[in-house]
Each structure stands twice: as structure tokens, then as C-alpha cells.
C-alpha atoms as a PDB file:
ATOM      1  CA  UNK A   1     -10.961   3.861   0.752  1.00  0.00           C
ATOM      2  CA  UNK A   2      -7.421   4.300  -0.544  1.00  0.00           C
ATOM      3  CA  UNK A   3      -5.243   6.907   1.139  1.00  0.00           C
ATOM      4  CA  UNK A   4      -1.967   8.395  -0.025  1.00  0.00           C
ATOM      5  CA  UNK A   5       0.242   8.611   3.062  1.00  0.00           C
ATOM      6  CA  UNK A   6       3.232  10.961   3.155  1.00  0.00           C
ATOM      7  CA  UNK A   7       3.663  11.040   6.921  1.00  0.00           C
ATOM      8  CA  UNK A   8       2.288   9.347  10.020  1.00  0.00           C
ATOM      9  CA  UNK A   9      -1.050   7.608   9.483  1.00  0.00           C
ATOM     10  CA  UNK A  10      -3.996   9.016  11.414  1.00  0.00           C
ATOM     11  CA  UNK A  11      -6.475   6.810  13.255  1.00  0.00           C
ATOM     12  CA  UNK A  12      -9.198   7.991  10.857  1.00  0.00           C
ATOM     13  CA  UNK A  13      -7.135   7.008   7.792  1.00  0.00           C
ATOM     14  CA  UNK A  14      -6.386   3.611   9.276  1.00  0.00           C
ATOM     15  CA  UNK A  15     -10.048   2.992  10.079  1.00  0.00           C
ATOM     16  CA  UNK A  16     -11.036   3.916   6.523  1.00  0.00           C
ATOM     17  CA  UNK A  17      -8.318   1.709   4.995  1.00  0.00           C
ATOM     18  CA  UNK A  18      -9.542  -1.252   7.088  1.00  0.00           C
ATOM     19  CA  UNK A  19     -13.113  -0.908   5.762  1.00  0.00           C
ATOM     20  CA  UNK A  20     -12.514  -3.246   2.793  1.00  0.00           C
ATOM     21  CA  UNK A  21     -10.898  -6.258   4.527  1.00  0.00           C
ATOM     22  CA  UNK A  22     -11.283  -5.452   8.276  1.00  0.00           C
ATOM     23  CA  UNK A  23      -8.210  -7.468   9.395  1.00  0.00           C
ATOM     24  CA  UNK A  24      -5.612  -6.216   6.938  1.00  0.00           C
ATOM     25  CA  UNK A  25      -4.754  -3.395   4.553  1.00  0.00           C
ATOM     26  CA  UNK A  26      -3.369  -3.832   1.046  1.00  0.00           C
ATOM     27  CA  UNK A  27      -0.573  -1.312   0.485  1.00  0.00           C
ATOM     28  CA  UNK A  28       1.889  -0.220  -2.173  1.00  0.00           C
ATOM     29  CA  UNK A  29       4.990   1.715  -1.200  1.00  0.00           C
ATOM     30  CA  UNK A  30       7.229   3.912  -3.314  1.00  0.00           C
ATOM     31  CA  UNK A  31      10.586   3.106  -1.747  1.00  0.00           C
ATOM     32  CA  UNK A  32      12.336   6.048  -3.428  1.00  0.00           C
ATOM     33  CA  UNK A  33       9.802   8.768  -2.565  1.00  0.00           C
ATOM     34  CA  UNK A  34       8.925   7.122   0.776  1.00  0.00           C
ATOM     35  CA  UNK A  35       5.153   7.372   0.263  1.00  0.00           C
ATOM     36  CA  UNK A  36       2.493   4.735   0.774  1.00  0.00           C
ATOM     37  CA  UNK A  37      -0.919   4.116  -0.747  1.00  0.00           C
ATOM     38  CA  UNK A  38      -3.142   1.924   1.408  1.00  0.00           C
ATOM     39  CA  UNK A  39      -6.668   0.536   1.236  1.00  0.00           C
ATOM     40  CA  UNK A  40      -8.672  -0.835  -1.660  1.00  0.00           C
ATOM     41  CA  UNK A  41      -9.313  -4.406  -2.696  1.00  0.00           C
ATOM     42  CA  UNK A  42      -5.965  -5.160  -4.343  1.00  0.00           C
ATOM     43  CA  UNK A  43      -2.339  -4.093  -4.265  1.00  0.00           C
ATOM     44  CA  UNK A  44      -2.815  -2.939  -7.861  1.00  0.00           C
ATOM     45  CA  UNK A  45      -5.422  -0.387  -6.717  1.00  0.00           C
ATOM     46  CA  UNK A  46      -2.776   1.193  -4.484  1.00  0.00           C
ATOM     47  CA  UNK A  47      -0.076   0.820  -7.127  1.00  0.00           C
ATOM     48  CA  UNK A  48      -2.221   2.737  -9.639  1.00  0.00           C
ATOM     49  CA  UNK A  49      -2.609   5.668  -7.250  1.00  0.00           C
ATOM     50  CA  UNK A  50       1.159   5.871  -6.755  1.00  0.00           C
ATOM     51  CA  UNK A  51       1.820   5.665 -10.503  1.00  0.00           C
ATOM     52  CA  UNK A  52      -0.793   8.373 -11.111  1.00  0.00           C
ATOM     53  CA  UNK A  53       1.071  10.526  -8.553  1.00  0.00           C
ATOM     54  CA  UNK A  54       4.345  10.157 -10.463  1.00  0.00           C
ATOM     55  CA  UNK A  55       5.966   7.092  -8.919  1.00  0.00           C
ATOM     56  CA  UNK A  56       8.122   4.918 -11.163  1.00  0.00           C
ATOM     57  CA  UNK A  57       7.078   1.272 -11.508  1.00  0.00           C
ATOM     58  CA  UNK A  58      10.492  -0.036 -10.420  1.00  0.00           C
ATOM     59  CA  UNK A  59      10.183   1.906  -7.141  1.00  0.00           C
ATOM     60  CA  UNK A  60       6.771   0.480  -6.146  1.00  0.00           C
ATOM     61  CA  UNK A  61       6.431  -2.577  -3.915  1.00  0.00           C
ATOM     62  CA  UNK A  62       3.252  -4.173  -2.586  1.00  0.00           C
ATOM     63  CA  UNK A  63       2.635  -5.609   0.853  1.00  0.00           C
ATOM     64  CA  UNK A  64      -0.131  -6.357   3.334  1.00  0.00           C
ATOM     65  CA  UNK A  65      -0.335  -4.878   6.831  1.00  0.00           C
ATOM     66  CA  UNK A  66      -2.124  -7.158   9.326  1.00  0.00           C
ATOM     67  CA  UNK A  67      -3.834  -5.101  12.030  1.00  0.00           C
ATOM     68  CA  UNK A  68      -4.337  -7.824  14.638  1.00  0.00           C
ATOM     69  CA  UNK A  69      -0.654  -8.690  14.880  1.00  0.00           C
ATOM     70  CA  UNK A  70       0.831  -5.416  13.564  1.00  0.00           C
ATOM     71  CA  UNK A  71       2.890  -7.275  10.962  1.00  0.00           C
ATOM     72  CA  UNK A  72       3.706  -6.788   7.280  1.00  0.00           C
ATOM     73  CA  UNK A  73       3.888  -9.511   4.635  1.00  0.00           C
ATOM     74  CA  UNK A  74       5.240  -9.065   1.112  1.00  0.00           C
ATOM     75  CA  UNK A  75       3.172 -11.378  -1.108  1.00  0.00           C
ATOM     76  CA  UNK A  76       2.051  -9.097  -3.900  1.00  0.00           C
ATOM     77  CA  UNK A  77       1.944  -9.835  -7.620  1.00  0.00           C
ATOM     78  CA  UNK A  78       3.206  -6.307  -8.304  1.00  0.00           C
ATOM     79  CA  UNK A  79       6.545  -7.407  -6.751  1.00  0.00           C
ATOM     80  CA  UNK A  80       7.189 -10.046  -9.408  1.00  0.00           C
ATOM     81  CA  UNK A  81       8.994  -9.815 -12.687  1.00  0.00           C
ATOM     82  CA  UNK A  82      11.175  -6.817 -11.869  1.00  0.00           C
ATOM     83  CA  UNK A  83      14.936  -6.714 -11.920  1.00  0.00           C
ATOM     84  CA  UNK A  84      16.322  -4.863  -8.954  1.00  0.00           C
END
């Protein structure tokens, strides 16, 4: 399940976002609006939700949150090809 997060994440949201991959959560973050979409099979799933909510493409970055080590990696295809 993909959640749109505008504040602290609840335990229930986190559990639901972990349903797809169990060990990690694909996320996309709007760095200007400071909102996150997390869950789903791909970063693009989360990106689409943010774009549908009014985010601008140049403000959206993808990452993966690893639950076991509480770490974030930034290896998303949605991060490529943009001039910042």
C-alpha cells in the first residue's frame, strides 16, 4: 500500500508500506513540499502519487528505506536525467 506522508509516520502506515518488500520501502520525496509517498513496487509508483498531488517533477527524488538497518539509499531511476 502506498501512503502519502505529511508528518510523522505511524506504525500502521509503516507496516502497510512494508507489505510489498518486507525489508525495505520504496519512497519518493518532494523536497520542496516536504512530503513523502512510500510503499508500492517501484519508486515510480510513489512518484506518480506525488505528481498527482501537485508535486513538480524536478522536486521529486526517489530512495529506498531499509527497515533492518534504518538506512536510506538513493538508487532510483527517477533521480536520473534531471538538471539541478
